[in-house]
PDB file of N, CA and C in Angstrom:
ATOM      1  N   MET A   1       0.843  -1.188   0.000  1.00  0.00           N
ATOM      2  CA  MET A   1       0.000   0.000   0.000  1.00  0.00           C
ATOM      3  C   MET A   1       0.884   1.247   0.000  1.00  0.00           C
ATOM      4  N   ASP A   2       0.493   2.196  -0.787  1.00  0.00           N
ATOM      5  CA  ASP A   2       1.245   3.436  -0.815  1.00  0.00           C
ATOM      6  C   ASP A   2       0.422   4.576  -0.224  1.00  0.00           C
ATOM      7  N   LYS A   3       0.980   5.758  -0.284  1.00  0.00           N
ATOM      8  CA  LYS A   3       0.328   6.927   0.333  1.00  0.00           C
ATOM      9  C   LYS A   3      -1.022   7.242  -0.300  1.00  0.00           C
ATOM     10  N   ASN A   4      -1.131   7.021  -1.589  1.00  0.00           N
ATOM     11  CA  ASN A   4      -2.390   7.337  -2.268  1.00  0.00           C
ATOM     12  C   ASN A   4      -3.527   6.445  -1.794  1.00  0.00           C
ATOM     13  N   ASP A   5      -3.226   5.194  -1.459  1.00  0.00           N
ATOM     14  CA  ASP A   5      -4.260   4.304  -0.942  1.00  0.00           C
ATOM     15  C   ASP A   5      -4.777   4.795   0.397  1.00  0.00           C
ATOM     16  N   PHE A   6      -3.875   5.238   1.274  1.00  0.00           N
ATOM     17  CA  PHE A   6      -4.285   5.762   2.568  1.00  0.00           C
ATOM     18  C   PHE A   6      -5.076   7.061   2.410  1.00  0.00           C
ATOM     19  N   ARG A   7      -4.639   7.908   1.501  1.00  0.00           N
ATOM     20  CA  ARG A   7      -5.361   9.161   1.265  1.00  0.00           C
ATOM     21  C   ARG A   7      -6.768   8.897   0.740  1.00  0.00           C
ATOM     22  N   ASP A   8      -6.885   7.939  -0.170  1.00  0.00           N
ATOM     23  CA  ASP A   8      -8.203   7.594  -0.701  1.00  0.00           C
ATOM     24  C   ASP A   8      -9.098   7.024   0.388  1.00  0.00           C
ATOM     25  N   PHE A   9      -8.522   6.181   1.243  1.00  0.00           N
ATOM     26  CA  PHE A   9      -9.293   5.596   2.341  1.00  0.00           C
ATOM     27  C   PHE A   9      -9.806   6.672   3.293  1.00  0.00           C
ATOM     28  N   PHE A  10      -8.935   7.591   3.705  1.00  0.00           N
ATOM     29  CA  PHE A  10      -9.343   8.645   4.630  1.00  0.00           C
ATOM     30  C   PHE A  10     -10.271   9.653   3.962  1.00  0.00           C
ATOM     31  N   ALA A  11     -10.066   9.921   2.688  1.00  0.00           N
ATOM     32  CA  ALA A  11     -10.963  10.843   1.990  1.00  0.00           C
ATOM     33  C   ALA A  11     -12.365  10.258   1.868  1.00  0.00           C
ATOM     34  N   LYS A  12     -12.453   8.956   1.762  1.00  0.00           N
ATOM     35  CA  LYS A  12     -13.758   8.304   1.634  1.00  0.00           C
ATOM     36  C   LYS A  12     -14.444   8.123   2.981  1.00  0.00           C
ATOM     37  N   ASN A  13     -13.699   7.804   4.022  1.00  0.00           N
ATOM     38  CA  ASN A  13     -14.291   7.402   5.296  1.00  0.00           C
ATOM     39  C   ASN A  13     -14.255   8.459   6.388  1.00  0.00           C
ATOM     40  N   PHE A  14     -13.599   9.575   6.185  1.00  0.00           N
ATOM     41  CA  PHE A  14     -13.563  10.639   7.187  1.00  0.00           C
ATOM     42  C   PHE A  14     -13.901  11.968   6.528  1.00  0.00           C
ATOM     43  N   ARG A  15     -15.193  12.181   6.381  1.00  0.00           N
ATOM     44  CA  ARG A  15     -15.670  13.444   5.828  1.00  0.00           C
ATOM     45  C   ARG A  15     -16.047  14.364   6.970  1.00  0.00           C
ATOM     46  N   VAL A  16     -16.573  15.523   6.632  1.00  0.00           N
ATOM     47  CA  VAL A  16     -16.879  16.541   7.637  1.00  0.00           C
ATOM     48  C   VAL A  16     -17.908  16.017   8.638  1.00  0.00           C
ATOM     49  N   HIS A  17     -18.939  15.333   8.154  1.00  0.00           N
ATOM     50  CA  HIS A  17     -19.958  14.849   9.080  1.00  0.00           C
ATOM     51  C   HIS A  17     -19.427  13.749   9.990  1.00  0.00           C
ATOM     52  N   HIS A  18     -18.449  12.964   9.529  1.00  0.00           N
ATOM     53  CA  HIS A  18     -17.832  11.962  10.401  1.00  0.00           C
ATOM     54  C   HIS A  18     -17.034  12.634  11.521  1.00  0.00           C
ATOM     55  N   ILE A  19     -16.265  13.637  11.164  1.00  0.00           N
ATOM     56  CA  ILE A  19     -15.457  14.341  12.157  1.00  0.00           C
ATOM     57  C   ILE A  19     -16.354  15.068  13.155  1.00  0.00           C
ATOM     58  N   LEU A  20     -17.435  15.663  12.660  1.00  0.00           N
ATOM     59  CA  LEU A  20     -18.399  16.311  13.545  1.00  0.00           C
ATOM     60  C   LEU A  20     -19.037  15.303  14.504  1.00  0.00           C
ATOM     61  N   GLY A  21     -19.353  14.118  14.009  1.00  0.00           N
ATOM     62  CA  GLY A  21     -19.907  13.071  14.862  1.00  0.00           C
ATOM     63  C   GLY A  21     -18.928  12.614  15.925  1.00  0.00           C
ATOM     64  N   ILE A  22     -17.669  12.489  15.570  1.00  0.00           N
ATOM     65  CA  ILE A  22     -16.644  12.090  16.535  1.00  0.00           C
ATOM     66  C   ILE A  22     -16.502  13.151  17.619  1.00  0.00           C
ATOM     67  N   ILE A  23     -16.469  14.412  17.220  1.00  0.00           N
ATOM     68  CA  ILE A  23     -16.319  15.498  18.194  1.00  0.00           C
ATOM     69  C   ILE A  23     -17.520  15.562  19.124  1.00  0.00           C
ATOM     70  N   LEU A  24     -18.720  15.510  18.564  1.00  0.00           N
ATOM     71  CA  LEU A  24     -19.917  15.564  19.400  1.00  0.00           C
ATOM     72  C   LEU A  24     -20.037  14.337  20.299  1.00  0.00           C
ATOM     73  N   GLY A  25     -19.663  13.175  19.789  1.00  0.00           N
ATOM     74  CA  GLY A  25     -19.673  11.973  20.616  1.00  0.00           C
ATOM     75  C   GLY A  25     -18.720  12.089  21.793  1.00  0.00           C
ATOM     76  N   CYS A  26     -17.535  12.653  21.549  1.00  0.00           N
ATOM     77  CA  CYS A  26     -16.572  12.850  22.640  1.00  0.00           C
ATOM     78  C   CYS A  26     -17.071  13.882  23.649  1.00  0.00           C
ATOM     79  N   VAL A  27     -17.680  14.950  23.163  1.00  0.00           N
ATOM     80  CA  VAL A  27     -18.191  15.985  24.072  1.00  0.00           C
ATOM     81  C   VAL A  27     -19.290  15.426  24.960  1.00  0.00           C
ATOM     82  N   PHE A  28     -20.257  14.723  24.356  1.00  0.00           N
ATOM     83  CA  PHE A  28     -21.351  14.177  25.152  1.00  0.00           C
ATOM     84  C   PHE A  28     -20.895  13.073  26.092  1.00  0.00           C
ATOM     85  N   SER A  29     -19.922  12.276  25.665  1.00  0.00           N
ATOM     86  CA  SER A  29     -19.423  11.235  26.569  1.00  0.00           C
ATOM     87  C   SER A  29     -18.621  11.851  27.721  1.00  0.00           C
ATOM     88  N   PHE A  30     -17.927  12.958  27.471  1.00  0.00           N
ATOM     89  CA  PHE A  30     -17.217  13.643  28.541  1.00  0.00           C
ATOM     90  C   PHE A  30     -18.190  14.238  29.552  1.00  0.00           C
ATOM     91  N   ILE A  31     -19.273  14.834  29.043  1.00  0.00           N
ATOM     92  CA  ILE A  31     -20.303  15.365  29.947  1.00  0.00           C
ATOM     93  C   ILE A  31     -20.918  14.235  30.767  1.00  0.00           C
ATOM     94  N   TYR A  32     -21.180  13.114  30.124  1.00  0.00           N
ATOM     95  CA  TYR A  32     -21.718  11.958  30.841  1.00  0.00           C
ATOM     96  C   TYR A  32     -20.742  11.485  31.919  1.00  0.00           C
ATOM     97  N   TRP A  33     -19.462  11.465  31.574  1.00  0.00           N
ATOM     98  CA  TRP A  33     -18.456  11.039  32.547  1.00  0.00           C
ATOM     99  C   TRP A  33     -18.413  12.000  33.735  1.00  0.00           C
ATOM    100  N   LEU A  34     -18.516  13.305  33.461  1.00  0.00           N
ATOM    101  CA  LEU A  34     -18.509  14.286  34.555  1.00  0.00           C
ATOM    102  C   LEU A  34     -19.709  14.119  35.479  1.00  0.00           C
ATOM    103  N   LYS A  35     -20.879  13.860  34.892  1.00  0.00           N
ATOM    104  CA  LYS A  35     -22.103  13.787  35.682  1.00  0.00           C
ATOM    105  C   LYS A  35     -22.242  12.487  36.454  1.00  0.00           C
ATOM    106  N   SER A  36     -21.892  11.362  35.840  1.00  0.00           N
ATOM    107  CA  SER A  36     -22.193  10.107  36.516  1.00  0.00           C
ATOM    108  C   SER A  36     -21.072   9.074  36.498  1.00  0.00           C
ATOM    109  N   GLY A  37     -20.050   9.290  35.716  1.00  0.00           N
ATOM    110  CA  GLY A  37     -19.070   8.232  35.548  1.00  0.00           C
ATOM    111  C   GLY A  37     -17.846   8.294  36.428  1.00  0.00           C
ATOM    112  N   ARG A  38     -17.504   9.448  36.936  1.00  0.00           N
ATOM    113  CA  ARG A  38     -16.236   9.593  37.661  1.00  0.00           C
ATOM    114  C   ARG A  38     -16.146   8.697  38.880  1.00  0.00           C
ATOM    115  N   PHE A  39     -17.232   8.569  39.586  1.00  0.00           N
ATOM    116  CA  PHE A  39     -17.197   7.856  40.854  1.00  0.00           C
ATOM    117  C   PHE A  39     -17.853   6.490  40.766  1.00  0.00           C
ATOM    118  N   SER A  40     -17.971   5.973  39.550  1.00  0.00           N
ATOM    119  CA  SER A  40     -18.630   4.691  39.335  1.00  0.00           C
ATOM    120  C   SER A  40     -17.639   3.548  39.554  1.00  0.00           C
ATOM    121  N   ASP A  41     -18.174   2.380  39.856  1.00  0.00           N
ATOM    122  CA  ASP A  41     -17.343   1.191  40.015  1.00  0.00           C
ATOM    123  C   ASP A  41     -17.129   0.455  38.698  1.00  0.00           C
ATOM    124  N   TYR A  42     -17.855   0.820  37.662  1.00  0.00           N
ATOM    125  CA  TYR A  42     -17.727   0.159  36.368  1.00  0.00           C
ATOM    126  C   TYR A  42     -16.527   0.699  35.613  1.00  0.00           C
ATOM    127  N   VAL A  43     -15.811  -0.183  34.935  1.00  0.00           N
ATOM    128  CA  VAL A  43     -14.574   0.198  34.266  1.00  0.00           C
ATOM    129  C   VAL A  43     -14.836   1.178  33.124  1.00  0.00           C
ATOM    130  N   LEU A  44     -15.868   0.933  32.327  1.00  0.00           N
ATOM    131  CA  LEU A  44     -16.127   1.800  31.193  1.00  0.00           C
ATOM    132  C   LEU A  44     -16.538   3.198  31.639  1.00  0.00           C
ATOM    133  N   LYS A  45     -17.337   3.297  32.677  1.00  0.00           N
ATOM    134  CA  LYS A  45     -17.772   4.607  33.156  1.00  0.00           C
ATOM    135  C   LYS A  45     -16.651   5.354  33.879  1.00  0.00           C
ATOM    136  N   ASN A  46     -15.807   4.655  34.555  1.00  0.00           N
ATOM    137  CA  ASN A  46     -14.799   5.268  35.404  1.00  0.00           C
ATOM    138  C   ASN A  46     -13.588   5.763  34.607  1.00  0.00           C
ATOM    139  N   ASN A  47     -13.246   5.100  33.534  1.00  0.00           N
ATOM    140  CA  ASN A  47     -12.052   5.434  32.765  1.00  0.00           C
ATOM    141  C   ASN A  47     -12.395   6.467  31.684  1.00  0.00           C
ATOM    142  N   ILE A  48     -11.800   7.638  31.784  1.00  0.00           N
ATOM    143  CA  ILE A  48     -12.102   8.724  30.849  1.00  0.00           C
ATOM    144  C   ILE A  48     -11.686   8.372  29.426  1.00  0.00           C
ATOM    145  N   TYR A  49     -10.595   7.666  29.244  1.00  0.00           N
ATOM    146  CA  TYR A  49     -10.119   7.327  27.905  1.00  0.00           C
ATOM    147  C   TYR A  49     -11.051   6.339  27.226  1.00  0.00           C
ATOM    148  N   LEU A  50     -11.538   5.370  27.953  1.00  0.00           N
ATOM    149  CA  LEU A  50     -12.475   4.402  27.376  1.00  0.00           C
ATOM    150  C   LEU A  50     -13.809   5.048  27.026  1.00  0.00           C
ATOM    151  N   ILE A  51     -14.289   5.923  27.874  1.00  0.00           N
ATOM    152  CA  ILE A  51     -15.578   6.562  27.604  1.00  0.00           C
ATOM    153  C   ILE A  51     -15.464   7.526  26.423  1.00  0.00           C
ATOM    154  N   LEU A  52     -14.331   8.210  26.268  1.00  0.00           N
ATOM    155  CA  LEU A  52     -14.132   9.078  25.110  1.00  0.00           C
ATOM    156  C   LEU A  52     -14.010   8.274  23.824  1.00  0.00           C
ATOM    157  N   PHE A  53     -13.312   7.151  23.894  1.00  0.00           N
ATOM    158  CA  PHE A  53     -13.195   6.269  22.735  1.00  0.00           C
ATOM    159  C   PHE A  53     -14.565   5.732  22.336  1.00  0.00           C
ATOM    160  N   TRP A  54     -15.336   5.301  23.313  1.00  0.00           N
ATOM    161  CA  TRP A  54     -16.685   4.801  23.063  1.00  0.00           C
ATOM    162  C   TRP A  54     -17.558   5.911  22.450  1.00  0.00           C
ATOM    163  N   GLY A  55     -17.475   7.114  22.972  1.00  0.00           N
ATOM    164  CA  GLY A  55     -18.244   8.228  22.437  1.00  0.00           C
ATOM    165  C   GLY A  55     -17.848   8.568  21.008  1.00  0.00           C
ATOM    166  N   ALA A  56     -16.553   8.492  20.704  1.00  0.00           N
ATOM    167  CA  ALA A  56     -16.091   8.770  19.348  1.00  0.00           C
ATOM    168  C   ALA A  56     -16.627   7.731  18.367  1.00  0.00           C
ATOM    169  N   ILE A  57     -16.609   6.480  18.755  1.00  0.00           N
ATOM    170  CA  ILE A  57     -17.118   5.418  17.878  1.00  0.00           C
ATOM    171  C   ILE A  57     -18.620   5.564  17.663  1.00  0.00           C
ATOM    172  N   ILE A  58     -19.355   5.800  18.738  1.00  0.00           N
ATOM    173  CA  ILE A  58     -20.808   5.957  18.622  1.00  0.00           C
ATOM    174  C   ILE A  58     -21.150   7.197  17.793  1.00  0.00           C
ATOM    175  N   GLY A  59     -20.420   8.290  17.975  1.00  0.00           N
ATOM    176  CA  GLY A  59     -20.655   9.493  17.179  1.00  0.00           C
ATOM    177  C   GLY A  59     -20.383   9.271  15.703  1.00  0.00           C
ATOM    178  N   TYR A  60     -19.290   8.571  15.392  1.00  0.00           N
ATOM    179  CA  TYR A  60     -18.959   8.281  13.995  1.00  0.00           C
ATOM    180  C   TYR A  60     -20.044   7.431  13.353  1.00  0.00           C
ATOM    181  N   ILE A  61     -20.430   6.367  14.025  1.00  0.00           N
ATOM    182  CA  ILE A  61     -21.433   5.459  13.466  1.00  0.00           C
ATOM    183  C   ILE A  61     -22.786   6.154  13.329  1.00  0.00           C
ATOM    184  N   SER A  62     -23.181   6.918  14.329  1.00  0.00           N
ATOM    185  CA  SER A  62     -24.479   7.602  14.288  1.00  0.00           C
ATOM    186  C   SER A  62     -24.557   8.591  13.130  1.00  0.00           C
ATOM    187  N   PHE A  63     -23.547   9.431  12.988  1.00  0.00           N
ATOM    188  CA  PHE A  63     -23.577  10.417  11.918  1.00  0.00           C
ATOM    189  C   PHE A  63     -23.432   9.761  10.549  1.00  0.00           C
ATOM    190  N   ASP A  64     -22.697   8.655  10.463  1.00  0.00           N
ATOM    191  CA  ASP A  64     -22.591   7.928   9.204  1.00  0.00           C
ATOM    192  C   ASP A  64     -23.949   7.360   8.814  1.00  0.00           C
ATOM    193  N   LEU A  65     -24.664   6.787   9.767  1.00  0.00           N
ATOM    194  CA  LEU A  65     -25.992   6.241   9.472  1.00  0.00           C
ATOM    195  C   LEU A  65     -26.972   7.334   9.090  1.00  0.00           C
ATOM    196  N   ILE A  66     -26.944   8.446   9.784  1.00  0.00           N
ATOM    197  CA  ILE A  66     -27.869   9.549   9.499  1.00  0.00           C
ATOM    198  C   ILE A  66     -27.626  10.099   8.095  1.00  0.00           C
ATOM    199  N   PHE A  67     -26.387  10.395   7.756  1.00  0.00           N
ATOM    200  CA  PHE A  67     -26.114  11.009   6.470  1.00  0.00           C
ATOM    201  C   PHE A  67     -26.240  10.024   5.317  1.00  0.00           C
ATOM    202  N   SER A  68     -25.897   8.760   5.526  1.00  0.00           N
ATOM    203  CA  SER A  68     -26.062   7.799   4.434  1.00  0.00           C
ATOM    204  C   SER A  68     -27.536   7.503   4.183  1.00  0.00           C
ATOM    205  N   SER A  69     -28.349   7.467   5.228  1.00  0.00           N
ATOM    206  CA  SER A  69     -29.775   7.226   5.011  1.00  0.00           C
ATOM    207  C   SER A  69     -30.442   8.438   4.365  1.00  0.00           C
ATOM    208  N   SER A  70     -30.047   9.648   4.762  1.00  0.00           N
ATOM    209  CA  SER A  70     -30.628  10.835   4.123  1.00  0.00           C
ATOM    210  C   SER A  70     -30.197  10.935   2.663  1.00  0.00           C
ATOM    211  N   LYS A  71     -28.964  10.533   2.365  1.00  0.00           N
ATOM    212  CA  LYS A  71     -28.489  10.544   0.984  1.00  0.00           C
ATOM    213  C   LYS A  71     -29.244   9.508   0.156  1.00  0.00           C
ATOM    214  N   LYS A  72     -29.492   8.342   0.754  1.00  0.00           N
ATOM    215  CA  LYS A  72     -30.235   7.306   0.054  1.00  0.00           C
ATOM    216  C   LYS A  72     -31.673   7.747  -0.206  1.00  0.00           C
ATOM    217  N   LEU A  73     -32.304   8.374   0.765  1.00  0.00           N
ATOM    218  CA  LEU A  73     -33.669   8.864   0.575  1.00  0.00           C
ATOM    219  C   LEU A  73     -33.727   9.941  -0.515  1.00  0.00           C
ATOM    220  N   LYS A  74     -32.729  10.796  -0.541  1.00  0.00           N
ATOM    221  CA  LYS A  74     -32.686  11.837  -1.557  1.00  0.00           C
ATOM    222  C   LYS A  74     -32.530  11.220  -2.939  1.00  0.00           C
ATOM    223  N   ASN A  75     -31.669  10.208  -3.062  1.00  0.00           N
ATOM    224  CA  ASN A  75     -31.479   9.542  -4.351  1.00  0.00           C
ATOM    225  C   ASN A  75     -32.742   8.809  -4.785  1.00  0.00           C
ATOM    226  N   ASP A  76     -33.467   8.197  -3.850  1.00  0.00           N
ATOM    227  CA  ASP A  76     -34.724   7.518  -4.176  1.00  0.00           C
ATOM    228  C   ASP A  76     -35.782   8.502  -4.638  1.00  0.00           C
ATOM    229  N   ASP A  77     -35.831   9.676  -4.016  1.00  0.00           N
ATOM    230  CA  ASP A  77     -36.793  10.700  -4.421  1.00  0.00           C
ATOM    231  C   ASP A  77     -36.466  11.251  -5.805  1.00  0.00           C
ATOM    232  N   ASP A  78     -35.182  11.366  -6.111  1.00  0.00           N
ATOM    233  CA  ASP A  78     -34.778  11.881  -7.421  1.00  0.00           C
ATOM    234  C   ASP A  78     -35.116  10.892  -8.537  1.00  0.00           C
ATOM    235  N   LYS A  79     -35.080   9.602  -8.248  1.00  0.00           N
ATOM    236  CA  LYS A  79     -35.397   8.583  -9.259  1.00  0.00           C
ATOM    237  C   LYS A  79     -36.886   8.545  -9.558  1.00  0.00           C
ATOM    238  N   ASN A  80     -37.710   8.872  -8.579  1.00  0.00           N
ATOM    239  CA  ASN A  80     -39.165   8.810  -8.792  1.00  0.00           C
ATOM    240  C   ASN A  80     -39.670  10.077  -9.308  1.00  0.00           C
TER     241      ASN A  80
END
Protein backbone atom coordinates (compact mmCIF):
# COMPACT_ATOMS: atom_id res chain seq x y z
CA MET A 1 0.00 0.00 0.00
CA ASP A 2 1.25 3.44 -0.81
CA LYS A 3 0.33 6.93 0.33
CA ASN A 4 -2.39 7.34 -2.27
CA ASP A 5 -4.26 4.30 -0.94
CA PHE A 6 -4.28 5.76 2.57
CA ARG A 7 -5.36 9.16 1.27
CA ASP A 8 -8.20 7.59 -0.70
CA PHE A 9 -9.29 5.60 2.34
CA PHE A 10 -9.34 8.65 4.63
CA ALA A 11 -10.96 10.84 1.99
CA LYS A 12 -13.76 8.30 1.63
CA ASN A 13 -14.29 7.40 5.30
CA PHE A 14 -13.56 10.64 7.19
CA ARG A 15 -15.67 13.44 5.83
CA VAL A 16 -16.88 16.54 7.64
CA HIS A 17 -19.96 14.85 9.08
CA HIS A 18 -17.83 11.96 10.40
CA ILE A 19 -15.46 14.34 12.16
CA LEU A 20 -18.40 16.31 13.54
CA GLY A 21 -19.91 13.07 14.86
CA ILE A 22 -16.64 12.09 16.54
CA ILE A 23 -16.32 15.50 18.19
CA LEU A 24 -19.92 15.56 19.40
CA GLY A 25 -19.67 11.97 20.62
CA CYS A 26 -16.57 12.85 22.64
CA VAL A 27 -18.19 15.99 24.07
CA PHE A 28 -21.35 14.18 25.15
CA SER A 29 -19.42 11.24 26.57
CA PHE A 30 -17.22 13.64 28.54
CA ILE A 31 -20.30 15.36 29.95
CA TYR A 32 -21.72 11.96 30.84
CA TRP A 33 -18.46 11.04 32.55
CA LEU A 34 -18.51 14.29 34.55
CA LYS A 35 -22.10 13.79 35.68
CA SER A 36 -22.19 10.11 36.52
CA GLY A 37 -19.07 8.23 35.55
CA ARG A 38 -16.24 9.59 37.66
CA PHE A 39 -17.20 7.86 40.85
CA SER A 40 -18.63 4.69 39.33
CA ASP A 41 -17.34 1.19 40.01
CA TYR A 42 -17.73 0.16 36.37
CA VAL A 43 -14.57 0.20 34.27
CA LEU A 44 -16.13 1.80 31.19
CA LYS A 45 -17.77 4.61 33.16
CA ASN A 46 -14.80 5.27 35.40
CA ASN A 47 -12.05 5.43 32.76
CA ILE A 48 -12.10 8.72 30.85
CA TYR A 49 -10.12 7.33 27.90
CA LEU A 50 -12.48 4.40 27.38
CA ILE A 51 -15.58 6.56 27.60
CA LEU A 52 -14.13 9.08 25.11
CA PHE A 53 -13.20 6.27 22.74
CA TRP A 54 -16.68 4.80 23.06
CA GLY A 55 -18.24 8.23 22.44
CA ALA A 56 -16.09 8.77 19.35
CA ILE A 57 -17.12 5.42 17.88
CA ILE A 58 -20.81 5.96 18.62
CA GLY A 59 -20.66 9.49 17.18
CA TYR A 60 -18.96 8.28 14.00
CA ILE A 61 -21.43 5.46 13.47
CA SER A 62 -24.48 7.60 14.29
CA PHE A 63 -23.58 10.42 11.92
CA ASP A 64 -22.59 7.93 9.20
CA LEU A 65 -25.99 6.24 9.47
CA ILE A 66 -27.87 9.55 9.50
CA PHE A 67 -26.11 11.01 6.47
CA SER A 68 -26.06 7.80 4.43
CA SER A 69 -29.77 7.23 5.01
CA SER A 70 -30.63 10.84 4.12
CA LYS A 71 -28.49 10.54 0.98
CA LYS A 72 -30.23 7.31 0.05
CA LEU A 73 -33.67 8.86 0.58
CA LYS A 74 -32.69 11.84 -1.56
CA ASN A 75 -31.48 9.54 -4.35
CA ASP A 76 -34.72 7.52 -4.18
CA ASP A 77 -36.79 10.70 -4.42
CA ASP A 78 -34.78 11.88 -7.42
CA LYS A 79 -35.40 8.58 -9.26
CA ASN A 80 -39.16 8.81 -8.79
